[in-house]
Amino acid sequence: EQTRGFFLRGFGWYQPLGDYVDMQILGDWFSKGSWGAQLGSNYNWRYHFKGNMTFNYNLNDFDDDTIPGSKQFKWVWNHRQDAKANPTQTFSANVNFSSSGFDKSNSYNVNEKLTGQKSSSISYTKNWAGTPFNFSMSANAKQNITDSTVTLDMPTGAFNVSTIYPFRSKES
């Protein structure tokens, strides 16, 4: 790279931590003083849930005096509950949050460099079997990378009841 120099990218260690979880620690080193670290984990408990989590931290020290150095981070978490685990409730999370210049300085993916917004969501639903009741709750966030604003929506929830016919005859 022109600004950070020659580099070793993505070197590190992978370690299974049992039947359900693994972990990897990766590093980036640049000849002009920049460095980065990534801690990632995948988890999968069959018929229950699965997901992954990644945390990146980069310290960019540029050779060009006109570009100031920066400390940047990125956190990504994806979680999905398997419907077989509990058919009456679900939980899912899709979190993607980073400092404002992380993707422009550290990503080699063109789509990430050009994207001006990131969004995150967490949701939970519950149905009570044999009853007409259900409940849902969700929280959302949007992050504008260009102006560093974050919009957090207050958690929204709904408790619904299907149509009940209390006086309807069981025999037609």
C-alpha atoms as a PDB file:
ATOM      1  CA  GLU A   1       0.000   0.000   0.000  1.00  0.00           C
ATOM      2  CA  GLN A   2       1.190   3.467  -0.760  1.00  0.00           C
ATOM      3  CA  THR A   3       0.286   5.041   2.598  1.00  0.00           C
ATOM      4  CA  ARG A   4       1.010   2.177   5.020  1.00  0.00           C
ATOM      5  CA  GLY A   5       3.800   0.346   3.174  1.00  0.00           C
ATOM      6  CA  PHE A   6       4.425  -3.359   2.672  1.00  0.00           C
ATOM      7  CA  PHE A   7       2.279  -5.671   4.756  1.00  0.00           C
ATOM      8  CA  LEU A   8       1.549  -9.110   6.112  1.00  0.00           C
ATOM      9  CA  ARG A   9      -2.227  -9.435   6.337  1.00  0.00           C
ATOM     10  CA  GLY A  10      -4.353 -12.089   8.006  1.00  0.00           C
ATOM     11  CA  PHE A  11      -1.646 -14.088   9.766  1.00  0.00           C
ATOM     12  CA  GLY A  12      -2.653 -15.728  13.001  1.00  0.00           C
ATOM     13  CA  TRP A  13      -3.980 -18.684  14.892  1.00  0.00           C
ATOM     14  CA  TYR A  14      -7.095 -20.844  14.589  1.00  0.00           C
ATOM     15  CA  GLN A  15      -8.238 -22.971  17.527  1.00  0.00           C
ATOM     16  CA  PRO A  16     -11.311 -25.180  17.955  1.00  0.00           C
ATOM     17  CA  LEU A  17     -12.631 -24.778  21.510  1.00  0.00           C
ATOM     18  CA  GLY A  18     -14.829 -27.849  21.601  1.00  0.00           C
ATOM     19  CA  ASP A  19     -17.597 -29.328  19.552  1.00  0.00           C
ATOM     20  CA  TYR A  20     -19.595 -26.113  19.283  1.00  0.00           C
ATOM     21  CA  VAL A  21     -17.180 -23.147  19.233  1.00  0.00           C
ATOM     22  CA  ASP A  22     -13.999 -22.117  17.463  1.00  0.00           C
ATOM     23  CA  MET A  23     -11.792 -19.052  17.695  1.00  0.00           C
ATOM     24  CA  GLN A  24      -9.312 -17.304  15.488  1.00  0.00           C
ATOM     25  CA  ILE A  25      -6.880 -14.512  16.212  1.00  0.00           C
ATOM     26  CA  LEU A  26      -5.530 -12.717  13.160  1.00  0.00           C
ATOM     27  CA  GLY A  27      -3.084  -9.873  12.757  1.00  0.00           C
ATOM     28  CA  ASP A  28      -2.012  -7.346  10.165  1.00  0.00           C
ATOM     29  CA  TRP A  29       1.397  -5.679  10.146  1.00  0.00           C
ATOM     30  CA  PHE A  30       2.490  -2.795   7.919  1.00  0.00           C
ATOM     31  CA  SER A  31       6.066  -1.643   7.377  1.00  0.00           C
ATOM     32  CA  LYS A  32       5.295   2.030   8.083  1.00  0.00           C
ATOM     33  CA  GLY A  33       4.016   1.373  11.611  1.00  0.00           C
ATOM     34  CA  SER A  34       0.344   0.477  11.240  1.00  0.00           C
ATOM     35  CA  TRP A  35      -1.065  -2.736  12.674  1.00  0.00           C
ATOM     36  CA  GLY A  36      -4.373  -4.486  13.208  1.00  0.00           C
ATOM     37  CA  ALA A  37      -5.844  -7.344  15.229  1.00  0.00           C
ATOM     38  CA  GLN A  38      -8.977  -9.417  14.698  1.00  0.00           C
ATOM     39  CA  LEU A  39     -10.659 -11.754  17.144  1.00  0.00           C
ATOM     40  CA  GLY A  40     -13.334 -13.980  15.626  1.00  0.00           C
ATOM     41  CA  SER A  41     -15.471 -16.878  16.724  1.00  0.00           C
ATOM     42  CA  ASN A  42     -18.050 -19.169  15.125  1.00  0.00           C
ATOM     43  CA  TYR A  43     -20.508 -21.149  17.200  1.00  0.00           C
ATOM     44  CA  ASN A  44     -23.038 -23.762  16.204  1.00  0.00           C
ATOM     45  CA  TRP A  45     -25.150 -25.939  18.465  1.00  0.00           C
ATOM     46  CA  ARG A  46     -27.121 -28.034  16.024  1.00  0.00           C
ATOM     47  CA  TYR A  47     -30.901 -27.684  16.308  1.00  0.00           C
ATOM     48  CA  HIS A  48     -30.468 -24.838  18.828  1.00  0.00           C
ATOM     49  CA  PHE A  49     -28.626 -21.829  17.389  1.00  0.00           C
ATOM     50  CA  LYS A  50     -25.657 -20.732  15.319  1.00  0.00           C
ATOM     51  CA  GLY A  51     -23.755 -17.548  14.701  1.00  0.00           C
ATOM     52  CA  ASN A  52     -20.465 -15.736  14.518  1.00  0.00           C
ATOM     53  CA  MET A  53     -18.810 -12.735  16.071  1.00  0.00           C
ATOM     54  CA  THR A  54     -15.836 -10.671  14.910  1.00  0.00           C
ATOM     55  CA  PHE A  55     -14.046  -7.753  16.549  1.00  0.00           C
ATOM     56  CA  ASN A  56     -11.372  -5.794  14.664  1.00  0.00           C
ATOM     57  CA  TYR A  57      -9.052  -3.114  16.010  1.00  0.00           C
ATOM     58  CA  ASN A  58      -6.651  -1.197  13.797  1.00  0.00           C
ATOM     59  CA  LEU A  59      -4.065   1.448  14.581  1.00  0.00           C
ATOM     60  CA  ASN A  60      -3.221   3.299  11.384  1.00  0.00           C
ATOM     61  CA  ASP A  61      -0.050   5.345  11.359  1.00  0.00           C
ATOM     62  CA  PHE A  62       0.379   6.814   7.886  1.00  0.00           C
ATOM     63  CA  ASP A  63       3.692   7.870   6.389  1.00  0.00           C
ATOM     64  CA  ASP A  64       2.032  10.950   4.885  1.00  0.00           C
ATOM     65  CA  ASP A  65       2.002  13.851   7.389  1.00  0.00           C
ATOM     66  CA  THR A  66      -1.163  15.278   5.825  1.00  0.00           C
ATOM     67  CA  ILE A  67      -3.140  12.179   6.892  1.00  0.00           C
ATOM     68  CA  PRO A  68      -3.487  11.887  10.685  1.00  0.00           C
ATOM     69  CA  GLY A  69      -3.128   8.514  12.383  1.00  0.00           C
ATOM     70  CA  SER A  70      -6.261   6.838  13.682  1.00  0.00           C
ATOM     71  CA  LYS A  71      -7.521   4.116  15.995  1.00  0.00           C
ATOM     72  CA  GLN A  72     -10.466   2.262  14.466  1.00  0.00           C
ATOM     73  CA  PHE A  73     -12.691  -0.681  15.351  1.00  0.00           C
ATOM     74  CA  LYS A  74     -15.421  -2.860  13.889  1.00  0.00           C
ATOM     75  CA  TRP A  75     -17.824  -5.282  15.594  1.00  0.00           C
ATOM     76  CA  VAL A  76     -19.996  -7.752  13.671  1.00  0.00           C
ATOM     77  CA  TRP A  77     -22.350 -10.275  15.328  1.00  0.00           C
ATOM     78  CA  ASN A  78     -24.795 -12.585  13.572  1.00  0.00           C
ATOM     79  CA  HIS A  79     -26.987 -14.979  15.569  1.00  0.00           C
ATOM     80  CA  ARG A  80     -29.869 -17.189  14.479  1.00  0.00           C
ATOM     81  CA  GLN A  81     -31.966 -19.511  16.589  1.00  0.00           C
ATOM     82  CA  ASP A  82     -32.992 -22.741  14.918  1.00  0.00           C
ATOM     83  CA  ALA A  83     -36.767 -23.152  14.699  1.00  0.00           C
ATOM     84  CA  LYS A  84     -36.396 -26.725  15.982  1.00  0.00           C
ATOM     85  CA  ALA A  85     -34.936 -25.489  19.274  1.00  0.00           C
ATOM     86  CA  ASN A  86     -38.159 -23.888  20.408  1.00  0.00           C
ATOM     87  CA  PRO A  87     -40.996 -23.568  17.898  1.00  0.00           C
ATOM     88  CA  THR A  88     -42.782 -20.994  20.054  1.00  0.00           C
ATOM     89  CA  GLN A  89     -40.006 -18.408  20.263  1.00  0.00           C
ATOM     90  CA  THR A  90     -37.213 -17.014  18.105  1.00  0.00           C
ATOM     91  CA  PHE A  91     -34.269 -14.718  18.732  1.00  0.00           C
ATOM     92  CA  SER A  92     -32.039 -13.232  16.055  1.00  0.00           C
ATOM     93  CA  ALA A  93     -29.364 -10.575  15.932  1.00  0.00           C
ATOM     94  CA  ASN A  94     -27.562  -8.891  13.082  1.00  0.00           C
ATOM     95  CA  VAL A  95     -25.180  -6.256  14.436  1.00  0.00           C
ATOM     96  CA  ASN A  96     -22.717  -4.372  12.240  1.00  0.00           C
ATOM     97  CA  PHE A  97     -21.052  -1.397  13.924  1.00  0.00           C
ATOM     98  CA  SER A  98     -17.739   0.336  13.275  1.00  0.00           C
ATOM     99  CA  SER A  99     -15.880   3.575  13.695  1.00  0.00           C
ATOM    100  CA  SER A 100     -16.499   6.006  10.863  1.00  0.00           C
ATOM    101  CA  GLY A 101     -13.347   5.454   8.792  1.00  0.00           C
ATOM    102  CA  PHE A 102     -12.776   1.751   9.402  1.00  0.00           C
ATOM    103  CA  ASP A 103     -13.968   0.405   6.055  1.00  0.00           C
ATOM    104  CA  LYS A 104     -12.303   3.130   3.996  1.00  0.00           C
ATOM    105  CA  SER A 105      -8.936   2.588   5.667  1.00  0.00           C
ATOM    106  CA  ASN A 106      -8.905  -1.162   6.298  1.00  0.00           C
ATOM    107  CA  SER A 107     -11.252  -3.007   3.944  1.00  0.00           C
ATOM    108  CA  TYR A 108     -10.243  -4.478   0.607  1.00  0.00           C
ATOM    109  CA  ASN A 109     -13.884  -5.066  -0.344  1.00  0.00           C
ATOM    110  CA  VAL A 110     -15.120  -2.368  -2.753  1.00  0.00           C
ATOM    111  CA  ASN A 111     -18.730  -2.643  -1.537  1.00  0.00           C
ATOM    112  CA  GLU A 112     -17.684  -1.957   2.056  1.00  0.00           C
ATOM    113  CA  LYS A 113     -15.616   1.065   1.000  1.00  0.00           C
ATOM    114  CA  LEU A 114     -18.501   2.578  -0.969  1.00  0.00           C
ATOM    115  CA  THR A 115     -21.318   1.885   1.506  1.00  0.00           C
ATOM    116  CA  GLY A 116     -22.321   4.965   3.441  1.00  0.00           C
ATOM    117  CA  GLN A 117     -24.689   3.246   5.876  1.00  0.00           C
ATOM    118  CA  LYS A 118     -24.689   0.272   8.199  1.00  0.00           C
ATOM    119  CA  SER A 119     -27.683  -1.189   9.950  1.00  0.00           C
ATOM    120  CA  SER A 120     -28.161  -3.435  12.945  1.00  0.00           C
ATOM    121  CA  SER A 121     -31.195  -5.241  14.301  1.00  0.00           C
ATOM    122  CA  ILE A 122     -32.132  -7.527  17.172  1.00  0.00           C
ATOM    123  CA  SER A 123     -35.520  -9.225  17.365  1.00  0.00           C
ATOM    124  CA  TYR A 124     -37.453 -11.608  19.610  1.00  0.00           C
ATOM    125  CA  THR A 125     -40.839 -13.252  19.063  1.00  0.00           C
ATOM    126  CA  LYS A 126     -42.931 -15.481  21.310  1.00  0.00           C
ATOM    127  CA  ASN A 127     -46.102 -17.447  20.492  1.00  0.00           C
ATOM    128  CA  TRP A 128     -48.083 -19.274  23.125  1.00  0.00           C
ATOM    129  CA  ALA A 129     -49.186 -22.628  21.724  1.00  0.00           C
ATOM    130  CA  GLY A 130     -52.910 -23.312  21.955  1.00  0.00           C
ATOM    131  CA  THR A 131     -53.702 -19.662  22.642  1.00  0.00           C
ATOM    132  CA  PRO A 132     -54.404 -16.718  20.322  1.00  0.00           C
ATOM    133  CA  PHE A 133     -51.599 -14.631  21.896  1.00  0.00           C
ATOM    134  CA  ASN A 134     -48.202 -13.637  20.467  1.00  0.00           C
ATOM    135  CA  PHE A 135     -45.537 -11.096  21.355  1.00  0.00           C
ATOM    136  CA  SER A 136     -42.748  -9.513  19.337  1.00  0.00           C
ATOM    137  CA  MET A 137     -40.015  -7.027  20.156  1.00  0.00           C
ATOM    138  CA  SER A 138     -37.254  -5.512  18.044  1.00  0.00           C
ATOM    139  CA  ALA A 139     -34.547  -2.865  18.222  1.00  0.00           C
ATOM    140  CA  ASN A 140     -32.850  -1.253  15.240  1.00  0.00           C
ATOM    141  CA  ALA A 141     -29.915   1.062  14.646  1.00  0.00           C
ATOM    142  CA  LYS A 142     -28.569   2.824  11.580  1.00  0.00           C
ATOM    143  CA  GLN A 143     -25.087   4.240  11.298  1.00  0.00           C
ATOM    144  CA  ASN A 144     -24.167   6.845   8.708  1.00  0.00           C
ATOM    145  CA  ILE A 145     -20.462   6.434   8.002  1.00  0.00           C
ATOM    146  CA  THR A 146     -19.997   9.713   6.135  1.00  0.00           C
ATOM    147  CA  ASP A 147     -21.110  12.030   8.951  1.00  0.00           C
ATOM    148  CA  SER A 148     -20.613   9.629  11.912  1.00  0.00           C
ATOM    149  CA  THR A 149     -24.225   9.800  13.089  1.00  0.00           C
ATOM    150  CA  VAL A 150     -25.998   6.901  14.730  1.00  0.00           C
ATOM    151  CA  THR A 151     -29.777   6.626  14.791  1.00  0.00           C
ATOM    152  CA  LEU A 152     -31.112   4.297  17.472  1.00  0.00           C
ATOM    153  CA  ASP A 153     -34.761   3.354  17.343  1.00  0.00           C
ATOM    154  CA  MET A 154     -36.307   2.718  20.717  1.00  0.00           C
ATOM    155  CA  PRO A 155     -37.213  -0.942  21.109  1.00  0.00           C
ATOM    156  CA  THR A 156     -40.647  -1.564  19.666  1.00  0.00           C
ATOM    157  CA  GLY A 157     -42.925  -4.303  20.847  1.00  0.00           C
ATOM    158  CA  ALA A 158     -46.344  -5.651  20.073  1.00  0.00           C
ATOM    159  CA  PHE A 159     -48.676  -7.973  21.901  1.00  0.00           C
ATOM    160  CA  ASN A 160     -51.293  -9.382  19.542  1.00  0.00           C
ATOM    161  CA  VAL A 161     -54.410 -11.421  20.048  1.00  0.00           C
ATOM    162  CA  SER A 162     -56.033 -13.272  17.171  1.00  0.00           C
ATOM    163  CA  THR A 163     -59.777 -12.982  16.716  1.00  0.00           C
ATOM    164  CA  ILE A 164     -61.644 -14.773  19.493  1.00  0.00           C
ATOM    165  CA  TYR A 165     -65.259 -15.918  19.116  1.00  0.00           C
ATOM    166  CA  PRO A 166     -66.365 -16.641  22.687  1.00  0.00           C
ATOM    167  CA  PHE A 167     -70.034 -17.202  21.838  1.00  0.00           C
ATOM    168  CA  ARG A 168     -69.526 -19.291  18.742  1.00  0.00           C
ATOM    169  CA  SER A 169     -71.063 -22.742  19.026  1.00  0.00           C
ATOM    170  CA  LYS A 170     -68.616 -25.622  18.816  1.00  0.00           C
ATOM    171  CA  GLU A 171     -71.164 -27.533  16.796  1.00  0.00           C
ATOM    172  CA  SER A 172     -72.364 -26.061  13.525  1.00  0.00           C
END
